[in-house]
Amino acid sequence: MISQSLDGKTKEAQEIQDSQKKNVSMDFLFKSVVLSVPRAGDILEAKFLARKGQNVFLDLGPFGTGIIFGREFINARDIIKKLKPGDAVTAKVVEVEGEQGCVEFSLREAKQDIVWQEARELMKKNTPLELAVSGANKGGLVIGWRGLQGFLPTSQLRNNHYPRVDGGDKGKILEELRKLVGQKLTLTIITANPKEEKLIFSEKYAESEELKELVLKYKIGGVVEGTITGVVDFGIFIKLDEGLEGLAHISELDWSLVNDPAELFSAGEKIKAKVIGIENGKISLSVKALTPDPWQEIKDKYKKGDIIEGEVLRFNPHGALICVVKGVYGLVHISEFKSENDMREKLTLAKKFPFQITLFDPLEHKLTFSFLSESVEEKTEEKKIE
């Protein structure tokens, strides 16, 4: 009797356990199906069933039938005409409860989403792409990729492709850019924004293995010799090797202020420079670094609080640049005057005025002044009159 009782309880427990397992399995299956039900915006794999007029039907397996019609059919007709029954297609859900109770799809949107996703992946990995230039405008080059139209700004061109035009004439720049149409360039994607349909490329960060090896020959601090290949408003390009150029920015040409690099340099001229930067296959050079630093020559001559006579070199939104000796200049801030007009009334370009030094750091090349009174020339004239 006791044995029979125990057997009954064991059987009852087993039934309860089996029931729980069944409920868990059903619950898991239910959740799996619910969670995987198509939603608007989802990208799904489906099979091409048939085409009836301007309606295309897709097999969605457990989710029934999908349909492509109307504007979506017209947009994707080039894709649709190549499909055969049973072919796998990738489509984007437009509406879950659509025409004839079917899930509505778009082939064109799915293709675009996939392409944009690929663009983002390529951007993250900085993957180089060999792409042809399809057009040019005043701002840069037009690049086609996977059915999308991208843009390569002039600022993102390598030195050897950058349009070297004296005076920055936009018409001439466009002429130079048009010479690149049809050529293949090694590019990387730096912006991929599907919402704004913005696809931006750069040539600067797509380093070829050959270029990497060339750049390895150079070290920061080293002195190089090359030929000036271009003089532009922001500096000079210097050919260092076949296919490799360096840029000496206008601020690195001379210790004095340079207004126009063409006044100091010309294409074809041999020149030496110091390597001051290497980044992403780009070599930055300095010409002035090979000449004595005037800041160091006067480091013990001046100090904070000294009153000096400085020549007004240039006005800018922050104040006026004042030269102490050739190659050494600092700023008298706009706050020293009532307004910009007041500053221009009290200071005159190319004339000398008395200033007091408020900061002097020759190592960091920093110098600031406080304005005191009238120009030295005006003082001299007053003495003559007396």
Protein backbone atom coordinates (compact mmCIF):
# COMPACT_ATOMS: atom_id res chain seq x y z
CA MET A 1 0.00 0.00 0.00
CA ILE A 2 2.81 2.33 0.88
CA SER A 3 4.65 1.43 -2.34
CA GLN A 4 1.55 2.10 -4.42
CA SER A 5 1.14 5.48 -2.68
CA LEU A 6 4.71 6.43 -3.44
CA ASP A 7 4.36 5.36 -7.07
CA GLY A 8 1.25 7.51 -7.36
CA LYS A 9 3.00 10.55 -5.99
CA THR A 10 6.02 9.99 -8.28
CA LYS A 11 3.74 9.69 -11.31
CA GLU A 12 1.90 12.88 -10.30
CA ALA A 13 5.19 14.76 -9.86
CA GLN A 14 6.40 13.59 -13.25
CA GLU A 15 3.18 14.80 -14.90
CA ILE A 16 3.53 18.21 -13.24
CA GLN A 17 7.17 18.42 -14.37
CA ASP A 18 6.27 17.45 -17.96
CA SER A 19 3.47 20.04 -17.95
CA GLN A 20 5.85 22.76 -16.76
CA LYS A 21 8.38 21.83 -19.46
CA LYS A 22 5.61 21.97 -22.07
CA ASN A 23 4.48 25.39 -20.82
CA VAL A 24 8.06 26.67 -20.83
CA SER A 25 8.58 25.39 -24.39
CA MET A 26 5.31 26.93 -25.60
CA ASP A 27 6.14 30.18 -23.81
CA PHE A 28 9.61 30.26 -25.41
CA LEU A 29 8.15 29.48 -28.85
CA PHE A 30 5.47 32.15 -28.44
CA LYS A 31 8.04 34.79 -27.40
CA SER A 32 10.37 33.81 -30.24
CA VAL A 33 7.61 34.17 -32.82
CA VAL A 34 6.30 37.44 -31.36
CA LEU A 35 9.77 38.95 -31.11
CA SER A 36 10.55 38.02 -34.73
CA VAL A 37 7.31 39.34 -36.26
CA PRO A 38 8.24 41.85 -39.01
CA ARG A 39 8.08 45.53 -38.11
CA ALA A 40 8.19 48.62 -40.31
CA GLY A 41 11.81 49.39 -41.16
CA ASP A 42 13.05 45.79 -40.80
CA ILE A 43 15.25 44.33 -43.54
CA LEU A 44 14.20 40.74 -44.36
CA GLU A 45 15.28 37.91 -46.62
CA ALA A 46 12.40 36.58 -48.73
CA LYS A 47 11.81 34.48 -51.86
CA PHE A 48 10.39 35.78 -55.12
CA LEU A 49 7.05 34.02 -55.78
CA ALA A 50 5.50 35.66 -58.81
CA ARG A 51 4.71 38.88 -60.62
CA LYS A 52 1.15 39.79 -61.58
CA GLY A 53 0.94 43.03 -63.53
CA GLN A 54 2.57 45.66 -61.34
CA ASN A 55 2.38 43.52 -58.22
CA VAL A 56 5.24 41.35 -56.97
CA PHE A 57 4.58 38.67 -54.35
CA LEU A 58 7.22 37.40 -51.91
CA ASP A 59 7.28 34.26 -49.75
CA LEU A 60 7.95 35.23 -46.11
CA GLY A 61 7.82 31.70 -44.72
CA PRO A 62 5.94 31.61 -41.37
CA PHE A 63 4.89 35.25 -41.80
CA GLY A 64 2.86 34.67 -44.95
CA THR A 65 3.15 36.70 -48.13
CA GLY A 66 4.74 40.04 -48.89
CA ILE A 67 3.89 42.42 -51.71
CA ILE A 68 5.64 45.13 -53.72
CA PHE A 69 3.36 47.44 -55.70
CA GLY A 70 2.66 51.00 -56.78
CA ARG A 71 5.56 53.45 -56.42
CA GLU A 72 7.80 50.77 -54.87
CA PHE A 73 7.28 48.57 -57.93
CA ILE A 74 8.21 51.45 -60.27
CA ASN A 75 11.30 52.35 -58.22
CA ALA A 76 12.54 48.75 -58.29
CA ARG A 77 11.47 47.63 -61.77
CA ASP A 78 15.09 47.28 -62.95
CA ILE A 79 15.71 44.82 -60.09
CA ILE A 80 12.36 43.04 -60.48
CA LYS A 81 12.74 42.23 -64.20
CA LYS A 82 15.84 40.14 -63.40
CA LEU A 83 14.11 38.02 -60.73
CA LYS A 84 12.95 34.42 -61.21
CA PRO A 85 10.65 32.33 -58.97
CA GLY A 86 12.62 31.05 -55.99
CA ASP A 87 15.26 33.81 -56.14
CA ALA A 88 16.27 35.21 -52.76
CA VAL A 89 15.67 38.95 -52.31
CA THR A 90 16.42 41.42 -49.54
CA ALA A 91 13.54 43.80 -48.89
CA LYS A 92 12.58 46.48 -46.37
CA VAL A 93 9.23 46.38 -44.55
CA VAL A 94 7.20 49.48 -45.39
CA GLU A 95 3.91 48.47 -43.75
CA VAL A 96 2.99 45.35 -41.77
CA GLU A 97 -0.74 45.29 -42.62
CA GLY A 98 -0.76 46.48 -46.21
CA GLU A 99 -2.42 45.74 -49.52
CA GLN A 100 -4.55 42.57 -49.54
CA GLY A 101 -3.46 41.89 -45.94
CA CYS A 102 0.11 41.33 -47.06
CA VAL A 103 3.28 42.85 -45.65
CA GLU A 104 4.32 45.73 -47.93
CA PHE A 105 7.97 45.85 -49.00
CA SER A 106 10.45 48.12 -50.76
CA LEU A 107 13.42 46.70 -52.66
CA ARG A 108 14.97 50.06 -53.44
CA GLU A 109 15.01 51.26 -49.80
CA ALA A 110 16.48 47.93 -48.67
CA LYS A 111 19.27 48.23 -51.22
CA GLN A 112 20.01 51.80 -50.12
CA ASP A 113 19.99 50.85 -46.41
CA ILE A 114 22.43 48.01 -47.07
CA VAL A 115 24.71 50.28 -49.10
CA TRP A 116 24.71 52.99 -46.41
CA GLN A 117 25.42 50.36 -43.75
CA GLU A 118 28.35 49.13 -45.83
CA ALA A 119 29.57 52.72 -46.18
CA ARG A 120 29.53 53.15 -42.39
CA GLU A 121 31.49 49.91 -41.93
CA LEU A 122 34.09 50.98 -44.50
CA MET A 123 34.37 54.36 -42.76
CA LYS A 124 34.97 52.73 -39.35
CA LYS A 125 37.72 50.49 -40.78
CA ASN A 126 39.25 53.30 -42.87
CA THR A 127 39.15 50.90 -45.85
CA PRO A 128 40.80 52.26 -49.03
CA LEU A 129 38.66 52.27 -52.20
CA GLU A 130 39.81 52.67 -55.81
CA LEU A 131 37.17 54.98 -57.32
CA ALA A 132 36.93 57.01 -60.52
CA VAL A 133 36.25 60.75 -60.55
CA SER A 134 32.96 61.37 -62.40
CA GLY A 135 32.81 65.15 -62.24
CA ALA A 136 34.20 68.38 -60.79
CA ASN A 137 32.93 71.66 -59.40
CA LYS A 138 34.53 74.64 -57.68
CA GLY A 139 34.47 72.89 -54.31
CA GLY A 140 35.95 69.55 -55.29
CA LEU A 141 35.30 66.30 -57.15
CA VAL A 142 32.19 64.14 -57.64
CA ILE A 143 32.68 60.44 -56.84
CA GLY A 144 30.22 57.63 -57.61
CA TRP A 145 30.05 54.55 -55.37
CA ARG A 146 27.48 51.71 -55.29
CA GLY A 147 24.81 53.87 -56.89
CA LEU A 148 25.40 56.76 -54.48
CA GLN A 149 26.90 60.12 -55.41
CA GLY A 150 29.66 61.21 -53.07
CA PHE A 151 31.91 64.24 -52.84
CA LEU A 152 35.66 64.72 -52.43
CA PRO A 153 36.35 68.29 -51.18
CA THR A 154 39.42 70.06 -52.53
CA SER A 155 40.75 70.27 -48.97
CA GLN A 156 40.81 66.44 -48.82
CA LEU A 157 43.02 65.99 -51.91
CA ARG A 158 46.59 64.80 -51.61
CA ASN A 159 49.32 67.35 -52.19
CA ASN A 160 50.13 66.03 -55.66
CA HIS A 161 46.50 66.47 -56.78
CA TYR A 162 45.83 69.79 -55.05
CA PRO A 163 45.23 72.59 -57.62
CA ARG A 164 48.18 74.99 -57.35
CA VAL A 165 46.72 78.28 -58.59
CA ASP A 166 48.28 81.67 -57.87
CA GLY A 167 45.86 84.06 -56.23
CA GLY A 168 43.27 81.33 -55.61
CA ASP A 169 41.37 82.05 -58.86
CA LYS A 170 38.24 79.82 -58.66
CA GLY A 171 37.95 79.50 -62.43
CA LYS A 172 41.51 78.24 -62.73
CA ILE A 173 41.04 75.92 -59.77
CA LEU A 174 38.05 74.35 -61.54
CA GLU A 175 40.16 73.90 -64.68
CA GLU A 176 42.78 72.01 -62.67
CA LEU A 177 40.14 69.86 -60.95
CA ARG A 178 38.58 68.89 -64.29
CA LYS A 179 41.90 67.36 -65.31
CA LEU A 180 41.25 64.67 -62.69
CA VAL A 181 37.88 63.59 -64.15
CA GLY A 182 38.10 59.98 -65.30
CA GLN A 183 41.13 59.20 -63.14
CA LYS A 184 41.00 56.59 -60.40
CA LEU A 185 41.97 57.73 -56.91
CA THR A 186 42.55 55.80 -53.70
CA LEU A 187 39.99 57.16 -51.23
CA THR A 188 38.46 56.50 -47.84
CA ILE A 189 35.00 57.43 -46.58
CA ILE A 190 35.07 60.06 -43.82
CA THR A 191 31.31 60.86 -43.64
CA ALA A 192 28.36 58.53 -44.29
CA ASN A 193 25.05 60.14 -43.32
CA PRO A 194 21.99 58.50 -44.99
CA LYS A 195 19.49 60.98 -43.48
CA GLU A 196 21.25 63.89 -45.17
CA GLU A 197 22.37 61.68 -48.08
CA LYS A 198 25.88 62.91 -47.41
CA LEU A 199 28.80 60.73 -48.53
CA ILE A 200 32.19 62.44 -48.18
CA PHE A 201 35.52 60.99 -49.29
CA SER A 202 39.12 61.84 -48.50
CA GLU A 203 42.28 61.10 -50.44
CA LYS A 204 44.53 62.14 -47.55
CA TYR A 205 43.91 59.12 -45.33
CA ALA A 206 44.07 56.38 -47.96
CA GLU A 207 47.72 55.44 -47.67
CA SER A 208 49.09 53.05 -50.27
CA GLU A 209 51.78 50.59 -49.18
CA GLU A 210 54.23 52.33 -51.50
CA LEU A 211 53.53 55.71 -49.90
CA LYS A 212 53.89 54.24 -46.40
CA GLU A 213 57.34 52.94 -47.30
CA LEU A 214 58.36 56.32 -48.74
CA VAL A 215 57.22 58.17 -45.62
CA LEU A 216 59.21 55.79 -43.39
CA LYS A 217 62.38 57.27 -44.86
CA TYR A 218 61.68 60.58 -43.11
CA LYS A 219 61.90 61.45 -39.42
CA ILE A 220 60.70 64.47 -37.47
CA GLY A 221 63.62 66.82 -36.97
CA GLY A 222 65.39 65.67 -40.13
CA VAL A 223 66.55 68.12 -42.80
CA VAL A 224 65.41 67.45 -46.37
CA GLU A 225 66.11 68.98 -49.74
CA GLY A 226 63.60 69.14 -52.56
CA THR A 227 62.13 71.13 -55.42
CA ILE A 228 59.28 73.58 -55.04
CA THR A 229 56.41 72.25 -57.15
CA GLY A 230 53.76 74.77 -56.20
CA VAL A 231 53.37 78.15 -54.54
CA VAL A 232 49.89 78.84 -53.15
CA ASP A 233 48.41 81.46 -50.84
CA PHE A 234 48.78 79.20 -47.78
CA GLY A 235 52.32 77.94 -48.35
CA ILE A 236 54.60 76.00 -50.70
CA PHE A 237 54.67 72.36 -51.84
CA ILE A 238 58.07 70.68 -51.96
CA LYS A 239 58.71 67.46 -53.90
CA LEU A 240 60.74 65.09 -51.70
CA ASP A 241 60.44 61.87 -53.66
CA GLU A 242 58.58 60.49 -56.67
CA GLY A 243 54.93 60.66 -55.64
CA LEU A 244 55.67 62.30 -52.31
CA GLU A 245 55.46 65.99 -51.44
CA GLY A 246 55.65 67.97 -48.24
CA LEU A 247 53.89 71.22 -47.35
CA ALA A 248 55.54 74.21 -45.70
CA HIS A 249 52.69 76.31 -44.34
CA ILE A 250 52.84 80.08 -44.75
CA SER A 251 53.52 80.37 -40.99
CA GLU A 252 56.64 78.21 -41.44
CA LEU A 253 58.22 80.12 -44.31
CA ASP A 254 59.87 82.99 -42.46
CA TRP A 255 60.10 84.39 -38.92
CA SER A 256 58.59 87.62 -40.24
CA LEU A 257 54.96 87.79 -41.33
CA VAL A 258 54.49 86.54 -44.90
CA ASN A 259 51.58 88.01 -46.85
CA ASP A 260 52.29 86.32 -50.18
CA PRO A 261 54.56 83.24 -50.48
CA ALA A 262 55.10 84.10 -54.16
CA GLU A 263 57.11 87.12 -53.06
CA LEU A 264 59.72 84.82 -51.49
CA PHE A 265 59.57 81.57 -53.49
CA SER A 266 58.98 80.30 -57.02
CA ALA A 267 58.22 76.90 -58.58
CA GLY A 268 61.29 74.93 -59.69
CA GLU A 269 63.49 76.38 -56.94
CA LYS A 270 65.66 73.97 -54.92
CA ILE A 271 65.17 74.39 -51.19
CA LYS A 272 66.01 72.85 -47.82
CA ALA A 273 63.52 72.43 -45.00
CA LYS A 274 63.08 70.72 -41.64
CA VAL A 275 60.53 67.96 -41.08
CA ILE A 276 58.23 69.11 -38.25
CA GLY A 277 55.32 66.69 -38.64
CA ILE A 278 54.36 63.33 -40.18
CA GLU A 279 50.74 62.21 -40.08
CA ASN A 280 48.65 59.98 -42.36
CA GLY A 281 51.24 60.10 -45.14
CA LYS A 282 51.39 63.89 -44.91
CA ILE A 283 54.75 65.54 -44.23
CA SER A 284 54.83 69.04 -42.74
CA LEU A 285 57.93 71.13 -43.31
CA SER A 286 59.46 74.32 -41.97
CA VAL A 287 61.82 76.58 -43.91
CA LYS A 288 62.27 79.12 -41.13
CA ALA A 289 63.38 76.39 -38.68
CA LEU A 290 66.73 76.26 -40.53
CA THR A 291 67.41 79.95 -39.82
CA PRO A 292 68.27 81.58 -36.44
CA ASP A 293 65.29 82.12 -34.15
CA PRO A 294 65.07 85.89 -33.50
CA TRP A 295 63.07 85.23 -30.33
CA GLN A 296 66.05 83.46 -28.79
CA GLU A 297 68.40 86.27 -29.83
CA ILE A 298 66.45 88.79 -27.73
CA LYS A 299 65.33 86.51 -24.88
CA ASP A 300 67.51 88.36 -22.35
CA LYS A 301 66.89 91.82 -23.76
CA TYR A 302 63.22 92.25 -22.72
CA LYS A 303 60.99 91.35 -19.79
CA LYS A 304 57.46 91.94 -18.56
CA GLY A 305 56.88 95.59 -17.68
CA ASP A 306 59.41 97.00 -20.16
CA ILE A 307 58.30 99.93 -22.30
CA ILE A 308 59.30 99.54 -25.94
CA GLU A 309 58.66 101.21 -29.29
CA GLY A 310 56.88 98.87 -31.67
CA GLU A 311 55.78 99.16 -35.27
CA VAL A 312 52.16 98.41 -36.20
CA LEU A 313 52.21 95.51 -38.70
CA ARG A 314 48.60 94.52 -39.13
CA PHE A 315 45.08 94.88 -37.74
CA ASN A 316 42.87 91.88 -37.02
CA PRO A 317 39.58 91.27 -35.14
CA HIS A 318 41.52 90.63 -31.92
CA GLY A 319 43.64 93.77 -32.01
CA ALA A 320 46.86 94.84 -33.71
CA LEU A 321 50.14 93.00 -34.34
CA ILE A 322 53.15 94.94 -33.12
CA CYS A 323 56.73 94.25 -34.27
CA VAL A 324 59.60 94.72 -31.79
CA VAL A 325 62.44 93.53 -34.06
CA LYS A 326 62.27 91.66 -37.37
CA GLY A 327 60.60 88.31 -36.80
CA VAL A 328 59.39 89.13 -33.27
CA TYR A 329 55.86 90.46 -32.93
CA GLY A 330 53.00 90.35 -30.45
CA LEU A 331 49.44 91.50 -29.92
CA VAL A 332 47.97 94.58 -28.35
CA HIS A 333 44.42 93.42 -27.62
CA ILE A 334 41.29 95.22 -28.86
CA SER A 335 40.20 95.58 -25.21
CA GLU A 336 42.94 98.22 -24.83
CA PHE A 337 40.72 100.53 -26.91
CA LYS A 338 37.11 101.68 -26.78
CA SER A 339 36.33 100.03 -30.11
CA GLU A 340 37.94 98.84 -33.34
CA ASN A 341 37.46 102.32 -34.81
CA ASP A 342 39.15 103.83 -31.78
CA MET A 343 42.11 101.45 -32.26
CA ARG A 344 42.44 102.36 -35.92
CA GLU A 345 42.28 106.04 -35.07
CA LYS A 346 45.00 105.81 -32.43
CA LEU A 347 47.27 103.38 -34.32
CA THR A 348 48.60 103.72 -37.85
CA LEU A 349 50.07 100.92 -39.97
CA ALA A 350 53.87 101.07 -40.44
CA LYS A 351 54.24 103.68 -37.66
CA LYS A 352 55.92 103.25 -34.26
CA PHE A 353 54.14 103.72 -30.92
CA PRO A 354 55.11 103.19 -27.26
CA PHE A 355 53.80 99.96 -25.65
CA GLN A 356 54.35 98.20 -22.36
CA ILE A 357 55.11 94.46 -22.38
CA THR A 358 52.47 92.49 -20.41
CA LEU A 359 53.70 88.99 -21.40
CA PHE A 360 57.02 87.84 -22.85
CA ASP A 361 57.69 84.11 -23.39
CA PRO A 362 60.44 83.68 -26.02
CA LEU A 363 60.34 79.87 -25.75
CA GLU A 364 56.64 79.73 -26.69
CA HIS A 365 56.93 82.79 -28.98
CA LYS A 366 54.28 84.70 -27.02
CA LEU A 367 54.26 88.47 -26.60
CA THR A 368 51.46 90.86 -25.58
CA PHE A 369 51.34 94.61 -25.02
CA SER A 370 49.44 97.39 -23.37
CA PHE A 371 49.01 100.58 -25.40
CA LEU A 372 50.46 103.76 -23.86
CA SER A 373 50.18 106.94 -25.98
CA GLU A 374 50.93 108.67 -29.30
CA SER A 375 53.41 107.54 -31.96
CA VAL A 376 57.15 108.15 -31.86
CA GLU A 377 56.87 110.06 -35.16
CA GLU A 378 54.27 112.40 -33.64
CA LYS A 379 56.57 113.05 -30.67
CA THR A 380 59.39 113.91 -33.04
CA GLU A 381 57.20 116.33 -34.98
CA GLU A 382 56.12 118.04 -31.73
CA LYS A 383 59.79 118.57 -30.75
CA LYS A 384 60.53 120.12 -34.14
CA ILE A 385 57.65 122.53 -33.75
CA GLU A 386 58.86 123.53 -30.24
